[in-house]
Amino acid sequence: MTELGIRLLVGDRAPYLPQDGTRFLMDALQRGGARAALRLATLAALGAHVKQSWNDAVALLLIAAERGWSMTFSMG
């Protein structure tokens, strides 16, 4: 569900249907998807296809972390 949502958001090997993509991500979030929470956090921070809200973005990042999502970044 998350993968399809992401594809629809950007039109990657799927039609460009960002509202449908967002709905798929919301459904995946409700079903426990950590990656969906991360993607929705980005959308909330930007105000892209959802209401812009830093509070929601941070809450979604926390949900992603609680569900086990982690990324490492290299600064150089």
C-alpha atoms as a PDB file:
ATOM      1  CA  MET A   1       0.000   0.000   0.000  1.00  0.00           C
ATOM      2  CA  THR A   2       2.835   2.381   0.875  1.00  0.00           C
ATOM      3  CA  GLU A   3       4.722   1.618  -2.321  1.00  0.00           C
ATOM      4  CA  LEU A   4       1.660   2.248  -4.480  1.00  0.00           C
ATOM      5  CA  GLY A   5       0.948   5.477  -2.605  1.00  0.00           C
ATOM      6  CA  ILE A   6       4.472   6.728  -3.256  1.00  0.00           C
ATOM      7  CA  ARG A   7       4.258   5.792  -6.940  1.00  0.00           C
ATOM      8  CA  LEU A   8       0.957   7.626  -7.360  1.00  0.00           C
ATOM      9  CA  LEU A   9       2.358  10.696  -5.612  1.00  0.00           C
ATOM     10  CA  VAL A  10       5.094  11.128  -8.200  1.00  0.00           C
ATOM     11  CA  GLY A  11       3.800   9.195 -11.197  1.00  0.00           C
ATOM     12  CA  ASP A  12       6.528   6.547 -11.030  1.00  0.00           C
ATOM     13  CA  ARG A  13       5.386   3.545 -13.097  1.00  0.00           C
ATOM     14  CA  ALA A  14       1.845   4.655 -12.282  1.00  0.00           C
ATOM     15  CA  PRO A  15      -0.364   7.590 -13.205  1.00  0.00           C
ATOM     16  CA  TYR A  16       0.249  10.868 -11.381  1.00  0.00           C
ATOM     17  CA  LEU A  17      -2.606  10.837  -8.854  1.00  0.00           C
ATOM     18  CA  PRO A  18      -1.273  12.578  -5.739  1.00  0.00           C
ATOM     19  CA  GLN A  19      -4.582  12.689  -3.853  1.00  0.00           C
ATOM     20  CA  ASP A  20      -5.058   8.953  -4.333  1.00  0.00           C
ATOM     21  CA  GLY A  21      -1.422   8.370  -3.376  1.00  0.00           C
ATOM     22  CA  THR A  22      -1.921  10.337  -0.182  1.00  0.00           C
ATOM     23  CA  ARG A  23      -5.005   8.262   0.658  1.00  0.00           C
ATOM     24  CA  PHE A  24      -3.031   5.047   0.176  1.00  0.00           C
ATOM     25  CA  LEU A  25      -0.333   6.373   2.519  1.00  0.00           C
ATOM     26  CA  MET A  26      -2.962   7.314   5.122  1.00  0.00           C
ATOM     27  CA  ASP A  27      -4.419   3.786   4.915  1.00  0.00           C
ATOM     28  CA  ALA A  28      -0.933   2.282   5.270  1.00  0.00           C
ATOM     29  CA  LEU A  29      -0.286   4.517   8.293  1.00  0.00           C
ATOM     30  CA  GLN A  30      -3.483   3.283   9.939  1.00  0.00           C
ATOM     31  CA  ARG A  31      -2.314  -0.293   9.368  1.00  0.00           C
ATOM     32  CA  GLY A  32       1.020   0.290  11.084  1.00  0.00           C
ATOM     33  CA  GLY A  33       3.273   1.403   8.219  1.00  0.00           C
ATOM     34  CA  ALA A  34       6.447   3.095   9.419  1.00  0.00           C
ATOM     35  CA  ARG A  35       7.533   4.134   5.927  1.00  0.00           C
ATOM     36  CA  ALA A  36       4.078   5.614   5.266  1.00  0.00           C
ATOM     37  CA  ALA A  37       4.436   7.718   8.421  1.00  0.00           C
ATOM     38  CA  LEU A  38       7.801   8.989   7.191  1.00  0.00           C
ATOM     39  CA  ARG A  39       6.425   9.954   3.757  1.00  0.00           C
ATOM     40  CA  LEU A  40       3.386  11.642   5.277  1.00  0.00           C
ATOM     41  CA  ALA A  41       5.671  13.585   7.634  1.00  0.00           C
ATOM     42  CA  THR A  42       7.423  15.020   4.601  1.00  0.00           C
ATOM     43  CA  LEU A  43       4.119  15.956   2.982  1.00  0.00           C
ATOM     44  CA  ALA A  44       2.893  17.609   6.199  1.00  0.00           C
ATOM     45  CA  ALA A  45       6.111  19.598   6.581  1.00  0.00           C
ATOM     46  CA  LEU A  46       5.792  20.874   3.012  1.00  0.00           C
ATOM     47  CA  GLY A  47       2.030  21.241   2.936  1.00  0.00           C
ATOM     48  CA  ALA A  48       1.956  19.079  -0.184  1.00  0.00           C
ATOM     49  CA  HIS A  49      -1.410  17.338  -0.731  1.00  0.00           C
ATOM     50  CA  VAL A  50      -2.195  17.664   2.999  1.00  0.00           C
ATOM     51  CA  LYS A  51      -2.576  20.566   5.416  1.00  0.00           C
ATOM     52  CA  GLN A  52       0.839  22.079   6.229  1.00  0.00           C
ATOM     53  CA  SER A  53       1.647  21.407   9.873  1.00  0.00           C
ATOM     54  CA  TRP A  54       5.001  21.149  11.575  1.00  0.00           C
ATOM     55  CA  ASN A  55       3.290  19.593  14.611  1.00  0.00           C
ATOM     56  CA  ASP A  56       1.822  16.832  12.444  1.00  0.00           C
ATOM     57  CA  ALA A  57       5.155  16.355  10.670  1.00  0.00           C
ATOM     58  CA  VAL A  58       7.031  15.880  13.944  1.00  0.00           C
ATOM     59  CA  ALA A  59       4.320  13.569  15.317  1.00  0.00           C
ATOM     60  CA  LEU A  60       4.529  11.447  12.165  1.00  0.00           C
ATOM     61  CA  LEU A  61       8.326  11.283  12.440  1.00  0.00           C
ATOM     62  CA  LEU A  62       7.936  10.024  15.996  1.00  0.00           C
ATOM     63  CA  ILE A  63       5.450   7.392  14.833  1.00  0.00           C
ATOM     64  CA  ALA A  64       7.877   6.258  12.131  1.00  0.00           C
ATOM     65  CA  ALA A  65      10.675   5.959  14.694  1.00  0.00           C
ATOM     66  CA  GLU A  66       8.470   4.106  17.181  1.00  0.00           C
ATOM     67  CA  ARG A  67       7.572   1.656  14.434  1.00  0.00           C
ATOM     68  CA  GLY A  68      11.204   0.948  13.747  1.00  0.00           C
ATOM     69  CA  TRP A  69      12.040   3.169  10.770  1.00  0.00           C
ATOM     70  CA  SER A  70      15.597   4.421  10.860  1.00  0.00           C
ATOM     71  CA  MET A  71      17.905   6.057   8.374  1.00  0.00           C
ATOM     72  CA  THR A  72      21.497   7.028   8.687  1.00  0.00           C
ATOM     73  CA  PHE A  73      22.822  10.153   7.070  1.00  0.00           C
ATOM     74  CA  SER A  74      26.345  10.903   6.049  1.00  0.00           C
ATOM     75  CA  MET A  75      27.504  14.471   6.420  1.00  0.00           C
ATOM     76  CA  GLY A  76      30.648  14.202   4.405  1.00  0.00           C
END
